[in-house]
Structure formats: C-alpha cells, structure tokens
Amino acid sequence: MSLTLFLLTLTVFAALFALAEIQIEGPNGWAASLPTWRIENRWTRLFYSGKPLTGYHLYTQLFTLAAGTSPIRPWPGRFYVARRVSRHFVLHLVLGS
C-alpha cells in the first residue's frame, strides 16, 4: 500500500468517525447527554482539557487504537507501522484535547 493511499484512507476513516461522533454527541457535546459513567480528577483535567473522562470517550479511543494498530492482513514491517500508528494516536489525543 503506498503512503498516499494510506493517508487518503486514514483521512476518509477519520472524517467518517468524526461525523459519527457529531451525530452521537449532538449539540450538548462531550457526551453530556449520554448515559455513561464519568471520572473527573486532576489527571482527567490534565489530559482532557478540564473535562471528565467518560465511558464513551474511553471506549472510542480504545477502539481507534485497536483499529489503527491491528493489521487487516499481515505484511512485512507491520509492527513498525503499528508503532507509528500508536505514536500518531497519542499525538492525536494530546493535540485533540
């Protein structure tokens, strides 16, 4: 898979996932009206810009991490790619907050 195709596919998946999140969270944002648990302490305020960690956000982040690091089919160097995706995932969490 070429790098261009990979980046294009990643962009399409990210856009679709973002649109799904917008539909799920609605106008209230940050899972305010979802029936989910919330944890708020100094660590969640640090990592989530003062907002609580919700079950919804934890599980969507774990899903994204699992989907990004598990190969659809094995190929040489897949663990190198998985490490790169993991680093980009952490960067997304830090910059996206």
PDB file of N, CA and C in Angstrom:
ATOM      1  N   MET A   1       0.856  -1.161   0.000  1.00  0.00           N
ATOM      2  CA  MET A   1       0.000   0.000   0.000  1.00  0.00           C
ATOM      3  C   MET A   1       0.908   1.230   0.000  1.00  0.00           C
ATOM      4  N   SER A   2       0.668   2.116  -0.903  1.00  0.00           N
ATOM      5  CA  SER A   2       1.503   3.309  -0.974  1.00  0.00           C
ATOM      6  C   SER A   2       1.146   4.265   0.159  1.00  0.00           C
ATOM      7  N   LEU A   3       2.076   5.142   0.454  1.00  0.00           N
ATOM      8  CA  LEU A   3       1.851   6.110   1.532  1.00  0.00           C
ATOM      9  C   LEU A   3       0.680   7.035   1.212  1.00  0.00           C
ATOM     10  N   THR A   4       0.544   7.422  -0.041  1.00  0.00           N
ATOM     11  CA  THR A   4      -0.555   8.303  -0.436  1.00  0.00           C
ATOM     12  C   THR A   4      -1.905   7.632  -0.225  1.00  0.00           C
ATOM     13  N   LEU A   5      -2.012   6.382  -0.628  1.00  0.00           N
ATOM     14  CA  LEU A   5      -3.265   5.650  -0.439  1.00  0.00           C
ATOM     15  C   LEU A   5      -3.560   5.460   1.041  1.00  0.00           C
ATOM     16  N   PHE A   6      -2.520   5.179   1.828  1.00  0.00           N
ATOM     17  CA  PHE A   6      -2.686   5.021   3.267  1.00  0.00           C
ATOM     18  C   PHE A   6      -3.217   6.308   3.892  1.00  0.00           C
ATOM     19  N   LEU A   7      -2.591   7.442   3.545  1.00  0.00           N
ATOM     20  CA  LEU A   7      -3.022   8.725   4.110  1.00  0.00           C
ATOM     21  C   LEU A   7      -4.426   9.096   3.661  1.00  0.00           C
ATOM     22  N   LEU A   8      -4.761   8.805   2.417  1.00  0.00           N
ATOM     23  CA  LEU A   8      -6.104   9.082   1.924  1.00  0.00           C
ATOM     24  C   LEU A   8      -7.136   8.228   2.657  1.00  0.00           C
ATOM     25  N   THR A   9      -6.847   6.955   2.825  1.00  0.00           N
ATOM     26  CA  THR A   9      -7.748   6.059   3.547  1.00  0.00           C
ATOM     27  C   THR A   9      -7.900   6.497   4.999  1.00  0.00           C
ATOM     28  N   LEU A  10      -6.793   6.857   5.630  1.00  0.00           N
ATOM     29  CA  LEU A  10      -6.834   7.315   7.014  1.00  0.00           C
ATOM     30  C   LEU A  10      -7.669   8.586   7.155  1.00  0.00           C
ATOM     31  N   THR A  11      -7.541   9.500   6.207  1.00  0.00           N
ATOM     32  CA  THR A  11      -8.311  10.738   6.230  1.00  0.00           C
ATOM     33  C   THR A  11      -9.806  10.461   6.080  1.00  0.00           C
ATOM     34  N   VAL A  12     -10.167   9.566   5.174  1.00  0.00           N
ATOM     35  CA  VAL A  12     -11.585   9.232   4.978  1.00  0.00           C
ATOM     36  C   VAL A  12     -12.162   8.586   6.240  1.00  0.00           C
ATOM     37  N   PHE A  13     -11.428   7.633   6.828  1.00  0.00           N
ATOM     38  CA  PHE A  13     -11.913   6.991   8.046  1.00  0.00           C
ATOM     39  C   PHE A  13     -12.037   7.992   9.190  1.00  0.00           C
ATOM     40  N   ALA A  14     -11.062   8.887   9.315  1.00  0.00           N
ATOM     41  CA  ALA A  14     -11.116   9.886  10.382  1.00  0.00           C
ATOM     42  C   ALA A  14     -12.309  10.813  10.201  1.00  0.00           C
ATOM     43  N   ALA A  15     -12.582  11.224   8.968  1.00  0.00           N
ATOM     44  CA  ALA A  15     -13.723  12.106   8.706  1.00  0.00           C
ATOM     45  C   ALA A  15     -15.037  11.392   9.017  1.00  0.00           C
ATOM     46  N   LEU A  16     -15.159  10.139   8.610  1.00  0.00           N
ATOM     47  CA  LEU A  16     -16.381   9.386   8.888  1.00  0.00           C
ATOM     48  C   LEU A  16     -16.579   9.180  10.392  1.00  0.00           C
ATOM     49  N   PHE A  17     -15.495   8.881  11.085  1.00  0.00           N
ATOM     50  CA  PHE A  17     -15.595   8.686  12.529  1.00  0.00           C
ATOM     51  C   PHE A  17     -15.971   9.998  13.217  1.00  0.00           C
ATOM     52  N   ALA A  18     -15.413  11.111  12.763  1.00  0.00           N
ATOM     53  CA  ALA A  18     -15.757  12.411  13.342  1.00  0.00           C
ATOM     54  C   ALA A  18     -17.223  12.749  13.106  1.00  0.00           C
ATOM     55  N   LEU A  19     -17.727  12.455  11.922  1.00  0.00           N
ATOM     56  CA  LEU A  19     -19.140  12.712  11.636  1.00  0.00           C
ATOM     57  C   LEU A  19     -20.040  11.839  12.508  1.00  0.00           C
ATOM     58  N   ALA A  20     -19.635  10.586  12.725  1.00  0.00           N
ATOM     59  CA  ALA A  20     -20.419   9.710  13.609  1.00  0.00           C
ATOM     60  C   ALA A  20     -20.420  10.253  15.033  1.00  0.00           C
ATOM     61  N   GLU A  21     -19.274  10.752  15.509  1.00  0.00           N
ATOM     62  CA  GLU A  21     -19.218  11.320  16.855  1.00  0.00           C
ATOM     63  C   GLU A  21     -20.117  12.544  16.983  1.00  0.00           C
ATOM     64  N   ILE A  22     -20.145  13.365  15.956  1.00  0.00           N
ATOM     65  CA  ILE A  22     -21.011  14.552  15.980  1.00  0.00           C
ATOM     66  C   ILE A  22     -22.467  14.129  16.110  1.00  0.00           C
ATOM     67  N   GLN A  23     -22.859  13.097  15.384  1.00  0.00           N
ATOM     68  CA  GLN A  23     -24.240  12.628  15.444  1.00  0.00           C
ATOM     69  C   GLN A  23     -24.559  11.999  16.802  1.00  0.00           C
ATOM     70  N   ILE A  24     -23.599  11.292  17.380  1.00  0.00           N
ATOM     71  CA  ILE A  24     -23.828  10.629  18.664  1.00  0.00           C
ATOM     72  C   ILE A  24     -23.912  11.645  19.798  1.00  0.00           C
ATOM     73  N   GLU A  25     -22.956  12.581  19.835  1.00  0.00           N
ATOM     74  CA  GLU A  25     -22.896  13.515  20.953  1.00  0.00           C
ATOM     75  C   GLU A  25     -23.935  14.622  20.859  1.00  0.00           C
ATOM     76  N   GLY A  26     -24.305  15.012  19.662  1.00  0.00           N
ATOM     77  CA  GLY A  26     -25.331  16.031  19.490  1.00  0.00           C
ATOM     78  C   GLY A  26     -24.860  17.415  19.895  1.00  0.00           C
ATOM     79  N   PRO A  27     -25.811  18.321  20.086  1.00  0.00           N
ATOM     80  CA  PRO A  27     -25.446  19.718  20.364  1.00  0.00           C
ATOM     81  C   PRO A  27     -24.861  19.927  21.765  1.00  0.00           C
ATOM     82  N   ASN A  28     -25.061  18.990  22.668  1.00  0.00           N
ATOM     83  CA  ASN A  28     -24.556  19.164  24.033  1.00  0.00           C
ATOM     84  C   ASN A  28     -23.053  18.960  24.134  1.00  0.00           C
ATOM     85  N   GLY A  29     -22.501  18.121  23.298  1.00  0.00           N
ATOM     86  CA  GLY A  29     -21.063  17.872  23.280  1.00  0.00           C
ATOM     87  C   GLY A  29     -20.555  17.108  24.485  1.00  0.00           C
ATOM     88  N   TRP A  30     -19.367  16.598  24.352  1.00  0.00           N
ATOM     89  CA  TRP A  30     -18.629  15.846  25.372  1.00  0.00           C
ATOM     90  C   TRP A  30     -19.486  14.843  26.131  1.00  0.00           C
ATOM     91  N   ALA A  31     -20.326  14.141  25.399  1.00  0.00           N
ATOM     92  CA  ALA A  31     -21.165  13.073  25.954  1.00  0.00           C
ATOM     93  C   ALA A  31     -22.011  13.551  27.127  1.00  0.00           C
ATOM     94  N   ALA A  32     -22.403  14.816  27.099  1.00  0.00           N
ATOM     95  CA  ALA A  32     -23.155  15.394  28.222  1.00  0.00           C
ATOM     96  C   ALA A  32     -24.512  14.734  28.417  1.00  0.00           C
ATOM     97  N   SER A  33     -25.163  14.338  27.333  1.00  0.00           N
ATOM     98  CA  SER A  33     -26.491  13.738  27.470  1.00  0.00           C
ATOM     99  C   SER A  33     -26.472  12.222  27.274  1.00  0.00           C
ATOM    100  N   LEU A  34     -25.299  11.619  27.208  1.00  0.00           N
ATOM    101  CA  LEU A  34     -25.227  10.164  27.054  1.00  0.00           C
ATOM    102  C   LEU A  34     -25.254   9.489  28.420  1.00  0.00           C
ATOM    103  N   PRO A  35     -25.923   8.349  28.513  1.00  0.00           N
ATOM    104  CA  PRO A  35     -25.971   7.633  29.796  1.00  0.00           C
ATOM    105  C   PRO A  35     -24.688   6.825  30.003  1.00  0.00           C
ATOM    106  N   THR A  36     -23.640   7.476  30.439  1.00  0.00           N
ATOM    107  CA  THR A  36     -22.343   6.828  30.619  1.00  0.00           C
ATOM    108  C   THR A  36     -21.696   7.298  31.909  1.00  0.00           C
ATOM    109  N   TRP A  37     -20.727   6.550  32.381  1.00  0.00           N
ATOM    110  CA  TRP A  37     -20.042   6.947  33.608  1.00  0.00           C
ATOM    111  C   TRP A  37     -19.037   8.050  33.300  1.00  0.00           C
ATOM    112  N   ARG A  38     -18.681   8.789  34.346  1.00  0.00           N
ATOM    113  CA  ARG A  38     -17.721   9.889  34.222  1.00  0.00           C
ATOM    114  C   ARG A  38     -16.732   9.840  35.386  1.00  0.00           C
ATOM    115  N   ILE A  39     -15.466  10.110  35.061  1.00  0.00           N
ATOM    116  CA  ILE A  39     -14.429  10.222  36.086  1.00  0.00           C
ATOM    117  C   ILE A  39     -13.795  11.594  35.923  1.00  0.00           C
ATOM    118  N   GLU A  40     -13.772  12.349  37.015  1.00  0.00           N
ATOM    119  CA  GLU A  40     -13.144  13.662  36.946  1.00  0.00           C
ATOM    120  C   GLU A  40     -12.191  13.810  38.117  1.00  0.00           C
ATOM    121  N   ASN A  41     -10.934  13.965  37.801  1.00  0.00           N
ATOM    122  CA  ASN A  41      -9.903  14.219  38.800  1.00  0.00           C
ATOM    123  C   ASN A  41      -8.803  15.045  38.145  1.00  0.00           C
ATOM    124  N   ARG A  42      -7.688  15.227  38.831  1.00  0.00           N
ATOM    125  CA  ARG A  42      -6.652  16.099  38.261  1.00  0.00           C
ATOM    126  C   ARG A  42      -6.043  15.513  36.999  1.00  0.00           C
ATOM    127  N   TRP A  43      -5.978  14.179  36.877  1.00  0.00           N
ATOM    128  CA  TRP A  43      -5.408  13.561  35.677  1.00  0.00           C
ATOM    129  C   TRP A  43      -6.322  13.733  34.474  1.00  0.00           C
ATOM    130  N   THR A  44      -7.609  13.552  34.681  1.00  0.00           N
ATOM    131  CA  THR A  44      -8.522  13.739  33.548  1.00  0.00           C
ATOM    132  C   THR A  44      -8.589  15.204  33.148  1.00  0.00           C
ATOM    133  N   ARG A  45      -8.509  16.093  34.122  1.00  0.00           N
ATOM    134  CA  ARG A  45      -8.490  17.526  33.778  1.00  0.00           C
ATOM    135  C   ARG A  45      -7.227  17.872  32.992  1.00  0.00           C
ATOM    136  N   LEU A  46      -6.114  17.229  33.329  1.00  0.00           N
ATOM    137  CA  LEU A  46      -4.865  17.476  32.624  1.00  0.00           C
ATOM    138  C   LEU A  46      -4.926  16.958  31.188  1.00  0.00           C
ATOM    139  N   PHE A  47      -5.381  15.726  31.001  1.00  0.00           N
ATOM    140  CA  PHE A  47      -5.371  15.099  29.679  1.00  0.00           C
ATOM    141  C   PHE A  47      -6.571  15.464  28.804  1.00  0.00           C
ATOM    142  N   TYR A  48      -7.661  15.911  29.406  1.00  0.00           N
ATOM    143  CA  TYR A  48      -8.872  16.205  28.630  1.00  0.00           C
ATOM    144  C   TYR A  48      -9.292  17.667  28.749  1.00  0.00           C
ATOM    145  N   SER A  49      -8.348  18.541  28.949  1.00  0.00           N
ATOM    146  CA  SER A  49      -8.593  19.995  28.984  1.00  0.00           C
ATOM    147  C   SER A  49      -9.693  20.384  29.974  1.00  0.00           C
ATOM    148  N   GLY A  50      -9.625  19.820  31.168  1.00  0.00           N
ATOM    149  CA  GLY A  50     -10.580  20.183  32.202  1.00  0.00           C
ATOM    150  C   GLY A  50     -11.902  19.449  32.136  1.00  0.00           C
ATOM    151  N   LYS A  51     -12.028  18.504  31.227  1.00  0.00           N
ATOM    152  CA  LYS A  51     -13.293  17.762  31.090  1.00  0.00           C
ATOM    153  C   LYS A  51     -13.144  16.365  31.680  1.00  0.00           C
ATOM    154  N   PRO A  52     -14.251  15.743  32.057  1.00  0.00           N
ATOM    155  CA  PRO A  52     -14.156  14.406  32.652  1.00  0.00           C
ATOM    156  C   PRO A  52     -13.906  13.329  31.587  1.00  0.00           C
ATOM    157  N   LEU A  53     -13.325  12.231  32.039  1.00  0.00           N
ATOM    158  CA  LEU A  53     -13.208  11.047  31.187  1.00  0.00           C
ATOM    159  C   LEU A  53     -14.544  10.331  31.249  1.00  0.00           C
ATOM    160  N   THR A  54     -15.133  10.058  30.103  1.00  0.00           N
ATOM    161  CA  THR A  54     -16.405   9.342  30.063  1.00  0.00           C
ATOM    162  C   THR A  54     -16.191   7.953  29.479  1.00  0.00           C
ATOM    163  N   GLY A  55     -17.105   7.053  29.762  1.00  0.00           N
ATOM    164  CA  GLY A  55     -17.035   5.724  29.187  1.00  0.00           C
ATOM    165  C   GLY A  55     -17.050   5.772  27.668  1.00  0.00           C
ATOM    166  N   TYR A  56     -17.852   6.656  27.135  1.00  0.00           N
ATOM    167  CA  TYR A  56     -17.934   6.810  25.683  1.00  0.00           C
ATOM    168  C   TYR A  56     -16.578   7.170  25.094  1.00  0.00           C
ATOM    169  N   HIS A  57     -15.905   8.159  25.672  1.00  0.00           N
ATOM    170  CA  HIS A  57     -14.633   8.596  25.124  1.00  0.00           C
ATOM    171  C   HIS A  57     -13.540   7.553  25.321  1.00  0.00           C
ATOM    172  N   LEU A  58     -13.521   6.894  26.460  1.00  0.00           N
ATOM    173  CA  LEU A  58     -12.521   5.851  26.687  1.00  0.00           C
ATOM    174  C   LEU A  58     -12.662   4.736  25.657  1.00  0.00           C
ATOM    175  N   TYR A  59     -13.885   4.257  25.446  1.00  0.00           N
ATOM    176  CA  TYR A  59     -14.077   3.131  24.533  1.00  0.00           C
ATOM    177  C   TYR A  59     -13.879   3.516  23.068  1.00  0.00           C
ATOM    178  N   THR A  60     -14.216   4.748  22.692  1.00  0.00           N
ATOM    179  CA  THR A  60     -13.941   5.155  21.309  1.00  0.00           C
ATOM    180  C   THR A  60     -12.438   5.309  21.088  1.00  0.00           C
ATOM    181  N   GLN A  61     -11.714   5.774  22.095  1.00  0.00           N
ATOM    182  CA  GLN A  61     -10.264   5.884  21.956  1.00  0.00           C
ATOM    183  C   GLN A  61      -9.608   4.507  21.890  1.00  0.00           C
ATOM    184  N   LEU A  62     -10.074   3.572  22.714  1.00  0.00           N
ATOM    185  CA  LEU A  62      -9.541   2.210  22.657  1.00  0.00           C
ATOM    186  C   LEU A  62      -9.859   1.542  21.321  1.00  0.00           C
ATOM    187  N   PHE A  63     -11.062   1.783  20.804  1.00  0.00           N
ATOM    188  CA  PHE A  63     -11.424   1.243  19.502  1.00  0.00           C
ATOM    189  C   PHE A  63     -10.519   1.802  18.406  1.00  0.00           C
ATOM    190  N   THR A  64     -10.289   3.109  18.442  1.00  0.00           N
ATOM    191  CA  THR A  64      -9.432   3.738  17.445  1.00  0.00           C
ATOM    192  C   THR A  64      -8.015   3.198  17.530  1.00  0.00           C
ATOM    193  N   LEU A  65      -7.500   3.035  18.731  1.00  0.00           N
ATOM    194  CA  LEU A  65      -6.163   2.489  18.911  1.00  0.00           C
ATOM    195  C   LEU A  65      -6.084   1.053  18.395  1.00  0.00           C
ATOM    196  N   ALA A  66      -7.074   0.235  18.725  1.00  0.00           N
ATOM    197  CA  ALA A  66      -7.072  -1.156  18.267  1.00  0.00           C
ATOM    198  C   ALA A  66      -7.203  -1.249  16.751  1.00  0.00           C
ATOM    199  N   ALA A  67      -8.067  -0.429  16.178  1.00  0.00           N
ATOM    200  CA  ALA A  67      -8.252  -0.464  14.724  1.00  0.00           C
ATOM    201  C   ALA A  67      -7.008   0.036  14.002  1.00  0.00           C
ATOM    202  N   GLY A  68      -6.317   0.996  14.581  1.00  0.00           N
ATOM    203  CA  GLY A  68      -5.138   1.541  13.923  1.00  0.00           C
ATOM    204  C   GLY A  68      -3.903   0.681  14.040  1.00  0.00           C
ATOM    205  N   THR A  69      -3.837  -0.158  15.048  1.00  0.00           N
ATOM    206  CA  THR A  69      -2.636  -0.964  15.251  1.00  0.00           C
ATOM    207  C   THR A  69      -2.789  -2.416  14.831  1.00  0.00           C
ATOM    208  N   SER A  70      -3.997  -2.872  14.570  1.00  0.00           N
ATOM    209  CA  SER A  70      -4.151  -4.262  14.141  1.00  0.00           C
ATOM    210  C   SER A  70      -4.214  -4.308  12.614  1.00  0.00           C
ATOM    211  N   PRO A  71      -3.351  -5.117  12.024  1.00  0.00           N
ATOM    212  CA  PRO A  71      -3.333  -5.166  10.560  1.00  0.00           C
ATOM    213  C   PRO A  71      -4.530  -5.921  10.005  1.00  0.00           C
ATOM    214  N   ILE A  72      -5.044  -5.452   8.896  1.00  0.00           N
ATOM    215  CA  ILE A  72      -6.113  -6.164   8.214  1.00  0.00           C
ATOM    216  C   ILE A  72      -5.562  -7.453   7.621  1.00  0.00           C
ATOM    217  N   ARG A  73      -4.380  -7.369   7.088  1.00  0.00           N
ATOM    218  CA  ARG A  73      -3.695  -8.559   6.593  1.00  0.00           C
ATOM    219  C   ARG A  73      -2.228  -8.411   6.947  1.00  0.00           C
ATOM    220  N   PRO A  74      -1.539  -9.511   7.220  1.00  0.00           N
ATOM    221  CA  PRO A  74      -0.130  -9.404   7.598  1.00  0.00           C
ATOM    222  C   PRO A  74       0.724  -8.937   6.420  1.00  0.00           C
ATOM    223  N   TRP A  75       1.693  -8.123   6.702  1.00  0.00           N
ATOM    224  CA  TRP A  75       2.659  -7.699   5.697  1.00  0.00           C
ATOM    225  C   TRP A  75       3.991  -7.466   6.389  1.00  0.00           C
ATOM    226  N   PRO A  76       5.075  -7.507   5.668  1.00  0.00           N
ATOM    227  CA  PRO A  76       6.384  -7.274   6.286  1.00  0.00           C
ATOM    228  C   PRO A  76       6.446  -5.870   6.872  1.00  0.00           C
ATOM    229  N   GLY A  77       6.978  -5.758   8.062  1.00  0.00           N
ATOM    230  CA  GLY A  77       7.122  -4.465   8.704  1.00  0.00           C
ATOM    231  C   GLY A  77       5.856  -3.962   9.373  1.00  0.00           C
ATOM    232  N   ARG A  78       4.848  -4.831   9.578  1.00  0.00           N
ATOM    233  CA  ARG A  78       3.588  -4.354  10.134  1.00  0.00           C
ATOM    234  C   ARG A  78       3.744  -3.847  11.565  1.00  0.00           C
ATOM    235  N   PHE A  79       4.713  -4.391  12.310  1.00  0.00           N
ATOM    236  CA  PHE A  79       4.901  -3.932  13.682  1.00  0.00           C
ATOM    237  C   PHE A  79       5.501  -2.531  13.705  1.00  0.00           C
ATOM    238  N   TYR A  80       6.345  -2.227  12.734  1.00  0.00           N
ATOM    239  CA  TYR A  80       6.862  -0.867  12.604  1.00  0.00           C
ATOM    240  C   TYR A  80       5.714   0.096  12.324  1.00  0.00           C
ATOM    241  N   VAL A  81       4.817  -0.287  11.443  1.00  0.00           N
ATOM    242  CA  VAL A  81       3.661   0.554  11.122  1.00  0.00           C
ATOM    243  C   VAL A  81       2.764   0.688  12.344  1.00  0.00           C
ATOM    244  N   ALA A  82       2.560  -0.391  13.086  1.00  0.00           N
ATOM    245  CA  ALA A  82       1.727  -0.340  14.289  1.00  0.00           C
ATOM    246  C   ALA A  82       2.318   0.615  15.319  1.00  0.00           C
ATOM    247  N   ARG A  83       3.629   0.617  15.472  1.00  0.00           N
ATOM    248  CA  ARG A  83       4.261   1.557  16.400  1.00  0.00           C
ATOM    249  C   ARG A  83       4.061   2.991  15.935  1.00  0.00           C
ATOM    250  N   ARG A  84       4.181   3.224  14.637  1.00  0.00           N
ATOM    251  CA  ARG A  84       3.984   4.575  14.110  1.00  0.00           C
ATOM    252  C   ARG A  84       2.547   5.032  14.322  1.00  0.00           C
ATOM    253  N   VAL A  85       1.595   4.130  14.079  1.00  0.00           N
ATOM    254  CA  VAL A  85       0.185   4.479  14.286  1.00  0.00           C
ATOM    255  C   VAL A  85      -0.071   4.767  15.759  1.00  0.00           C
ATOM    256  N   SER A  86       0.537   3.992  16.645  1.00  0.00           N
ATOM    257  CA  SER A  86       0.364   4.222  18.081  1.00  0.00           C
ATOM    258  C   SER A  86       0.889   5.588  18.482  1.00  0.00           C
ATOM    259  N   ARG A  87       2.036   5.972  17.940  1.00  0.00           N
ATOM    260  CA  ARG A  87       2.577   7.298  18.254  1.00  0.00           C
ATOM    261  C   ARG A  87       1.664   8.394  17.728  1.00  0.00           C
ATOM    262  N   HIS A  88       1.112   8.213  16.536  1.00  0.00           N
ATOM    263  CA  HIS A  88       0.197   9.203  15.990  1.00  0.00           C
ATOM    264  C   HIS A  88      -1.096   9.260  16.799  1.00  0.00           C
ATOM    265  N   PHE A  89      -1.524   8.123  17.331  1.00  0.00           N
ATOM    266  CA  PHE A  89      -2.720   8.092  18.166  1.00  0.00           C
ATOM    267  C   PHE A  89      -2.501   8.921  19.433  1.00  0.00           C
ATOM    268  N   VAL A  90      -1.360   8.745  20.067  1.00  0.00           N
ATOM    269  CA  VAL A  90      -1.055   9.517  21.269  1.00  0.00           C
ATOM    270  C   VAL A  90      -0.965  10.999  20.926  1.00  0.00           C
ATOM    271  N   LEU A  91      -0.353  11.319  19.796  1.00  0.00           N
ATOM    272  CA  LEU A  91      -0.280  12.711  19.362  1.00  0.00           C
ATOM    273  C   LEU A  91      -1.685  13.268  19.141  1.00  0.00           C
ATOM    274  N   HIS A  92      -2.571  12.469  18.560  1.00  0.00           N
ATOM    275  CA  HIS A  92      -3.964  12.883  18.360  1.00  0.00           C
ATOM    276  C   HIS A  92      -4.646  13.173  19.700  1.00  0.00           C
ATOM    277  N   LEU A  93      -4.399  12.324  20.675  1.00  0.00           N
ATOM    278  CA  LEU A  93      -5.006  12.539  21.993  1.00  0.00           C
ATOM    279  C   LEU A  93      -4.506  13.828  22.629  1.00  0.00           C
ATOM    280  N   VAL A  94      -3.227  14.088  22.474  1.00  0.00           N
ATOM    281  CA  VAL A  94      -2.647  15.271  23.105  1.00  0.00           C
ATOM    282  C   VAL A  94      -3.114  16.538  22.388  1.00  0.00           C
ATOM    283  N   LEU A  95      -3.046  16.551  21.061  1.00  0.00           N
ATOM    284  CA  LEU A  95      -3.425  17.742  20.311  1.00  0.00           C
ATOM    285  C   LEU A  95      -4.924  17.911  20.192  1.00  0.00           C
ATOM    286  N   GLY A  96      -5.667  16.795  20.231  1.00  0.00           N
ATOM    287  CA  GLY A  96      -7.111  16.874  20.061  1.00  0.00           C
ATOM    288  C   GLY A  96      -7.837  17.354  21.300  1.00  0.00           C
ATOM    289  N   SER A  97      -7.174  17.327  22.439  1.00  0.00           N
ATOM    290  CA  SER A  97      -7.837  17.724  23.690  1.00  0.00           C
ATOM    291  C   SER A  97      -8.063  19.203  23.770  1.00  0.00           C
TER     292      SER A  97
END
